[in-house]
N, C-alpha and C. Protein backbone atom coordinates (compact mmCIF):
# COMPACT_ATOMS: atom_id res chain seq x y z
N MET A 1 40.05 15.19 22.90
CA MET A 1 38.64 15.62 23.34
C MET A 1 37.59 15.51 22.33
N ASN A 2 37.97 15.32 20.85
CA ASN A 2 37.33 14.90 19.90
C ASN A 2 36.87 13.69 19.99
N ASN A 3 37.77 12.61 20.63
CA ASN A 3 37.72 11.16 20.52
C ASN A 3 36.93 10.42 21.84
N PHE A 4 37.05 11.55 22.51
CA PHE A 4 36.20 11.49 23.97
C PHE A 4 34.92 11.59 23.56
N MET A 5 34.37 12.62 22.69
CA MET A 5 33.00 12.88 22.84
C MET A 5 32.80 11.63 21.69
N GLN A 6 33.43 11.29 20.60
CA GLN A 6 32.97 10.27 19.77
C GLN A 6 32.67 8.79 20.64
N GLN A 7 33.46 8.53 21.71
CA GLN A 7 33.22 7.50 22.32
C GLN A 7 31.83 7.62 23.15
N ILE A 8 31.68 9.13 23.61
CA ILE A 8 30.44 9.27 24.43
C ILE A 8 29.03 8.88 23.39
N MET A 9 29.26 9.56 22.42
CA MET A 9 28.08 9.17 21.02
C MET A 9 28.18 7.53 20.89
N GLN A 10 29.04 7.36 20.53
CA GLN A 10 28.90 5.57 20.33
C GLN A 10 27.96 4.77 21.42
N GLN A 11 28.60 5.23 22.72
CA GLN A 11 27.91 4.65 24.05
C GLN A 11 26.50 4.98 23.65
N ILE A 12 26.18 6.17 23.50
CA ILE A 12 24.58 6.21 23.39
C ILE A 12 24.13 5.54 22.30
N ILE A 13 24.30 5.78 21.45
CA ILE A 13 23.67 5.31 20.22
C ILE A 13 23.87 3.85 20.52
N HIS A 14 24.57 3.01 20.78
CA HIS A 14 24.66 1.84 21.55
C HIS A 14 23.15 1.15 22.34
N LYS A 15 23.36 2.54 23.55
CA LYS A 15 22.22 2.02 24.27
C LYS A 15 20.94 2.14 23.61
N CYS A 16 20.88 3.23 23.04
CA CYS A 16 19.44 3.45 22.37
C CYS A 16 19.23 2.52 21.32
N LYS A 17 19.95 1.34 20.55
CA LYS A 17 19.58 0.49 19.69
C LYS A 17 19.20 -0.53 20.62
N GLU A 18 19.91 -0.98 21.81
CA GLU A 18 19.63 -1.76 22.90
C GLU A 18 18.24 -1.78 23.43
N GLU A 19 17.72 -0.50 23.67
CA GLU A 19 16.29 -0.16 24.31
C GLU A 19 15.54 -0.76 23.02
N ILE A 20 15.71 0.10 22.02
CA ILE A 20 14.89 -0.08 20.90
C ILE A 20 14.61 -1.68 20.63
N ASP A 21 15.64 -2.93 20.82
CA ASP A 21 15.57 -4.06 20.24
C ASP A 21 15.12 -4.81 21.56
N LYS A 22 14.73 -4.24 22.72
CA LYS A 22 13.91 -5.12 23.47
C LYS A 22 12.57 -5.19 23.16
N ASP A 23 12.04 -6.20 23.45
CA ASP A 23 10.71 -6.85 23.03
C ASP A 23 9.45 -5.83 23.79
N GLU A 24 9.62 -5.40 24.84
CA GLU A 24 8.75 -4.47 25.47
C GLU A 24 8.56 -3.13 24.55
N LYS A 25 9.61 -2.55 24.28
CA LYS A 25 9.96 -1.47 23.48
C LYS A 25 9.34 -1.66 22.31
N ASP A 26 9.37 -3.12 21.75
CA ASP A 26 9.21 -3.30 20.35
C ASP A 26 7.48 -3.18 20.32
N SER A 27 6.71 -3.96 21.21
CA SER A 27 5.19 -3.98 21.24
C SER A 27 4.85 -2.67 21.38
N THR A 28 5.76 -1.70 22.47
CA THR A 28 5.27 0.06 22.57
C THR A 28 5.21 0.51 21.19
N LEU A 29 6.24 0.20 20.58
CA LEU A 29 6.70 1.35 19.32
C LEU A 29 5.46 0.63 18.17
N LYS A 30 5.17 -0.51 18.31
CA LYS A 30 4.24 -1.03 17.10
C LYS A 30 2.89 -0.37 17.68
N LYS A 31 2.55 -0.58 18.63
CA LYS A 31 1.12 -0.01 19.40
C LYS A 31 1.33 1.41 19.50
N ASP A 32 2.17 2.05 19.78
CA ASP A 32 2.00 3.60 19.58
C ASP A 32 2.36 4.56 18.22
N ILE A 33 3.24 4.03 17.35
CA ILE A 33 3.44 4.60 16.65
C ILE A 33 3.23 3.99 15.13
N ILE A 34 3.24 2.44 14.98
CA ILE A 34 3.44 1.86 13.81
C ILE A 34 2.23 1.41 13.76
N ASN A 35 0.97 0.88 14.26
CA ASN A 35 -0.68 0.78 14.22
C ASN A 35 -1.29 1.84 13.87
N PRO A 36 -1.28 3.14 14.42
CA PRO A 36 -1.74 4.23 14.15
C PRO A 36 -1.42 4.71 12.90
N LEU A 37 0.01 4.60 12.82
CA LEU A 37 0.31 5.19 11.38
C LEU A 37 -0.39 4.45 9.94
N ILE A 38 -0.31 2.92 10.05
CA ILE A 38 -1.05 2.22 9.16
C ILE A 38 -2.50 2.31 9.18
N ARG A 39 -3.20 2.75 10.33
CA ARG A 39 -4.38 3.10 10.04
C ARG A 39 -4.92 4.48 9.49
N TYR A 40 -4.07 5.36 10.07
CA TYR A 40 -4.24 6.88 9.17
C TYR A 40 -4.05 6.57 7.77
N MET A 41 -2.93 5.84 7.20
CA MET A 41 -2.58 6.04 6.21
C MET A 41 -4.00 4.96 5.05
N GLY A 42 -4.13 4.01 6.15
CA GLY A 42 -5.23 3.19 5.28
C GLY A 42 -6.45 4.18 4.87
N ARG A 43 -6.94 5.02 6.23
CA ARG A 43 -8.01 5.74 5.81
C ARG A 43 -8.02 6.63 4.94
N LYS A 44 -6.84 7.36 4.73
CA LYS A 44 -6.34 8.13 3.52
C LYS A 44 -6.78 7.42 2.16
N MET A 45 -6.17 6.31 1.96
CA MET A 45 -6.01 5.82 0.71
C MET A 45 -7.39 5.09 0.21
N MET A 46 -8.12 4.79 1.34
CA MET A 46 -9.45 4.13 1.28
C MET A 46 -10.15 4.70 -0.03
N PRO A 47 -10.45 5.85 -0.16
CA PRO A 47 -11.20 6.32 -1.71
C PRO A 47 -10.40 5.93 -2.98
N TYR A 48 -9.08 6.45 -2.93
CA TYR A 48 -8.40 5.71 -3.62
C TYR A 48 -8.64 4.47 -4.31
N ILE A 49 -8.63 3.69 -3.49
CA ILE A 49 -8.38 2.25 -4.00
C ILE A 49 -9.94 1.78 -4.22
N TRP A 50 -10.87 2.50 -3.55
CA TRP A 50 -12.35 2.21 -3.94
C TRP A 50 -12.70 2.77 -5.68
N PHE A 51 -11.96 3.98 -5.54
CA PHE A 51 -12.26 4.45 -6.77
C PHE A 51 -11.49 3.80 -8.28
N SER A 52 -10.25 3.26 -7.79
CA SER A 52 -9.80 2.39 -8.63
C SER A 52 -10.61 0.86 -9.03
N ILE A 53 -11.00 0.03 -7.72
CA ILE A 53 -11.69 -1.21 -8.10
C ILE A 53 -12.95 -0.59 -9.21
N PHE A 54 -13.60 0.06 -8.98
CA PHE A 54 -14.67 0.78 -9.46
C PHE A 54 -14.43 1.07 -11.18
N VAL A 55 -13.24 2.05 -11.16
CA VAL A 55 -12.78 2.25 -12.88
C VAL A 55 -12.35 1.12 -13.06
N LEU A 56 -12.05 -0.13 -12.82
CA LEU A 56 -11.42 -1.27 -13.15
C LEU A 56 -12.71 -2.32 -13.60
N PHE A 57 -13.52 -2.18 -12.66
CA PHE A 57 -14.98 -2.82 -12.74
C PHE A 57 -15.59 -2.26 -14.29
N LEU A 58 -15.85 -0.85 -14.49
CA LEU A 58 -16.67 -0.39 -15.48
C LEU A 58 -15.70 -0.49 -16.67
N LEU A 59 -14.08 -0.81 -17.02
CA LEU A 59 -13.36 -1.18 -17.98
C LEU A 59 -13.88 -2.29 -18.12
N MET A 60 -14.10 -3.16 -17.34
CA MET A 60 -14.63 -4.52 -17.93
C MET A 60 -15.59 -4.59 -18.19
N ILE A 61 -16.72 -4.24 -18.07
CA ILE A 61 -17.79 -4.45 -18.13
C ILE A 61 -17.89 -3.77 -19.85
N CYS A 62 -16.66 -2.70 -20.04
CA CYS A 62 -16.90 -2.21 -21.39
C CYS A 62 -16.30 -2.88 -22.21
N ILE A 63 -15.07 -3.96 -21.90
CA ILE A 63 -14.60 -4.51 -22.63
C ILE A 63 -15.58 -5.79 -22.75
N CYS A 64 -15.95 -6.42 -22.14
CA CYS A 64 -17.19 -7.60 -22.37
C CYS A 64 -18.20 -6.88 -23.33
N PHE A 65 -19.10 -5.82 -22.95
CA PHE A 65 -19.99 -5.06 -23.71
C PHE A 65 -19.04 -5.00 -25.37
N GLY A 66 -18.17 -4.69 -25.45
CA GLY A 66 -17.57 -4.38 -26.47
C GLY A 66 -17.52 -5.51 -27.65
N SER A 67 -16.71 -6.26 -26.83
CA SER A 67 -16.36 -7.74 -27.19
C SER A 67 -17.79 -8.47 -27.54
N ILE A 68 -18.64 -8.42 -27.07
CA ILE A 68 -20.41 -9.07 -27.45
C ILE A 68 -20.74 -8.30 -28.63
N CYS A 69 -20.85 -7.15 -28.96
CA CYS A 69 -21.40 -6.11 -29.65
C CYS A 69 -20.34 -6.59 -31.27
N LEU A 70 -19.06 -6.68 -31.03
CA LEU A 70 -18.20 -6.98 -32.06
C LEU A 70 -18.60 -8.30 -32.84
N TYR A 71 -18.41 -9.29 -31.56
CA TYR A 71 -18.91 -10.49 -32.03
C TYR A 71 -20.43 -10.41 -33.05
N ASN A 72 -21.33 -10.00 -32.13
CA ASN A 72 -22.99 -9.88 -33.07
C ASN A 72 -22.67 -9.30 -34.49
N ARG A 73 -21.79 -8.27 -34.54
CA ARG A 73 -21.77 -7.37 -36.02
C ARG A 73 -20.82 -8.26 -36.95
N MET A 74 -19.95 -9.54 -36.15
CA MET A 74 -19.22 -10.27 -37.31
C MET A 74 -20.35 -11.48 -37.61
N TYR A 75 -21.22 -11.84 -37.00
CA TYR A 75 -22.19 -12.82 -37.08
C TYR A 75 -23.27 -12.43 -38.19
N ILE A 76 -23.68 -11.10 -37.97
CA ILE A 76 -24.38 -10.67 -38.43
C ILE A 76 -23.92 -10.17 -40.05
N ASN A 77 -22.53 -9.91 -40.16
CA ASN A 77 -22.00 -9.77 -41.32
C ASN A 77 -21.90 -10.87 -42.14
N LYS A 78 -21.80 -12.08 -41.26
CA LYS A 78 -21.25 -13.47 -41.97
C LYS A 78 -22.86 -13.98 -42.58
N LYS A 79 -23.60 -13.68 -41.70
CA LYS A 79 -24.93 -14.23 -42.05
C LYS A 79 -25.72 -13.42 -43.29
N MET A 80 -25.45 -12.33 -43.72
CA MET A 80 -25.74 -11.45 -44.98
C MET A 80 -25.11 -11.87 -46.25
N ASN A 81 -24.07 -12.41 -45.75
CA ASN A 81 -23.08 -12.85 -47.02
C ASN A 81 -23.34 -14.07 -47.46
């Protein structure tokens, strides 16, 4: 009896794999599940992405401004000596 149930389960799994592998099911799977999921994740992640870009931009400005100020201080100190 156990062997019989195992065979039935293997057949069911095999049939499900065949159905999923079909091209028409693949496009339906992409259209109905994967694409909405990616859009949802993109909408939820977008504020974090923009915030990260903003922080990196500020960091670049601070580094550039700091290096310019440091260069000017070194130039003034050399000029005074």
